[in-house]
Amino acid sequence: MEVKLTLKLNDNSISRAKKYVSEKKTSLSSIVENFFDSLTINNDTEKFTYSPLVNELAGIIHLDENYDYKSDYASYLDKKYE
């Protein structure tokens, strides 16, 4: 059974969301429903799915096998807090 839900959101958020769903050829309702499902479904029978944005971004960064991210991050923090 489908039930109507009213949300109050920032104008900018709504504009960005409408643009996003238009480009993805989906609806705001389906995006919100998927988001709520991802937050609330936590059992073995339901498989967790990532949002379309996460799926789109997954794997776009390629690092060398020997890349030491811990050392790089420590160096970044040292410079930031000098």
Protein backbone atom coordinates (compact mmCIF):
# COMPACT_ATOMS: atom_id res chain seq x y z
CA MET A 1 0.00 0.00 0.00
CA GLU A 2 1.36 3.40 -0.93
CA VAL A 3 0.93 6.34 1.46
CA LYS A 4 1.56 10.02 0.80
CA LEU A 5 4.39 11.71 2.76
CA THR A 6 5.07 15.44 2.96
CA LEU A 7 8.64 16.61 3.55
CA LYS A 8 9.99 20.09 4.23
CA LEU A 9 13.38 20.60 2.58
CA ASN A 10 15.66 23.45 1.60
CA ASP A 11 14.84 24.94 -1.85
CA ASN A 12 18.37 24.28 -3.09
CA SER A 13 18.20 20.64 -2.04
CA ILE A 14 14.91 20.18 -3.86
CA SER A 15 16.25 21.81 -7.03
CA ARG A 16 19.36 19.62 -7.03
CA ALA A 17 17.29 16.51 -6.33
CA LYS A 18 14.88 17.28 -9.18
CA LYS A 19 17.78 17.80 -11.57
CA TYR A 20 19.37 14.53 -10.41
CA VAL A 21 16.22 12.43 -10.85
CA SER A 22 15.58 14.00 -14.25
CA GLU A 23 19.06 13.00 -15.43
CA LYS A 24 18.67 9.50 -13.97
CA LYS A 25 15.14 9.09 -15.33
CA THR A 26 13.69 8.14 -11.96
CA SER A 27 11.47 9.83 -9.37
CA LEU A 28 12.05 11.59 -6.08
CA SER A 29 9.68 9.13 -4.45
CA SER A 30 11.76 6.14 -5.54
CA ILE A 31 14.99 7.80 -4.40
CA VAL A 32 13.51 8.58 -0.96
CA GLU A 33 11.98 5.10 -0.68
CA ASN A 34 15.32 3.46 -1.57
CA PHE A 35 17.09 5.66 0.98
CA PHE A 36 14.64 4.75 3.75
CA ASP A 37 14.91 1.08 2.83
CA SER A 38 18.69 1.24 2.99
CA LEU A 39 18.46 2.71 6.49
CA THR A 40 15.85 0.37 7.87
CA ILE A 41 16.17 -3.03 6.18
CA ASN A 42 18.65 -5.04 8.16
CA ASN A 43 18.06 -8.73 7.67
CA ASP A 44 19.68 -11.51 5.69
CA THR A 45 16.77 -11.92 3.27
CA GLU A 46 17.10 -8.39 1.90
CA LYS A 47 20.29 -7.56 0.04
CA PHE A 48 21.73 -4.11 0.73
CA THR A 49 22.02 -1.93 -2.38
CA TYR A 50 24.03 1.23 -2.76
CA SER A 51 22.53 4.41 -4.14
CA PRO A 52 22.95 5.03 -7.87
CA LEU A 53 25.47 7.80 -7.10
CA VAL A 54 27.65 5.47 -5.04
CA ASN A 55 27.48 2.83 -7.77
CA GLU A 56 28.44 5.45 -10.35
CA LEU A 57 31.45 6.63 -8.33
CA ALA A 58 32.68 3.18 -7.28
CA GLY A 59 36.02 2.29 -8.84
CA ILE A 60 36.83 5.66 -10.42
CA ILE A 61 39.96 6.15 -8.31
CA HIS A 62 42.90 3.90 -9.11
CA LEU A 63 45.92 3.87 -6.81
CA ASP A 64 49.29 2.17 -7.13
CA GLU A 65 49.60 -1.16 -5.33
CA ASN A 66 52.28 0.28 -3.05
CA TYR A 67 50.41 3.49 -2.19
CA ASP A 68 50.69 4.16 1.56
CA TYR A 69 47.54 6.10 2.36
CA LYS A 70 48.25 6.14 6.11
CA SER A 71 51.60 7.84 5.61
CA ASP A 72 50.11 10.26 3.10
CA TYR A 73 47.29 11.16 5.48
CA ALA A 74 49.71 11.57 8.41
CA SER A 75 51.78 13.94 6.27
CA TYR A 76 48.66 15.91 5.38
CA LEU A 77 47.72 16.24 9.08
CA ASP A 78 51.25 17.31 10.01
CA LYS A 79 51.12 20.14 7.48
CA LYS A 80 47.57 21.10 8.44
CA TYR A 81 48.34 21.45 12.13
CA GLU A 82 51.82 23.01 11.97
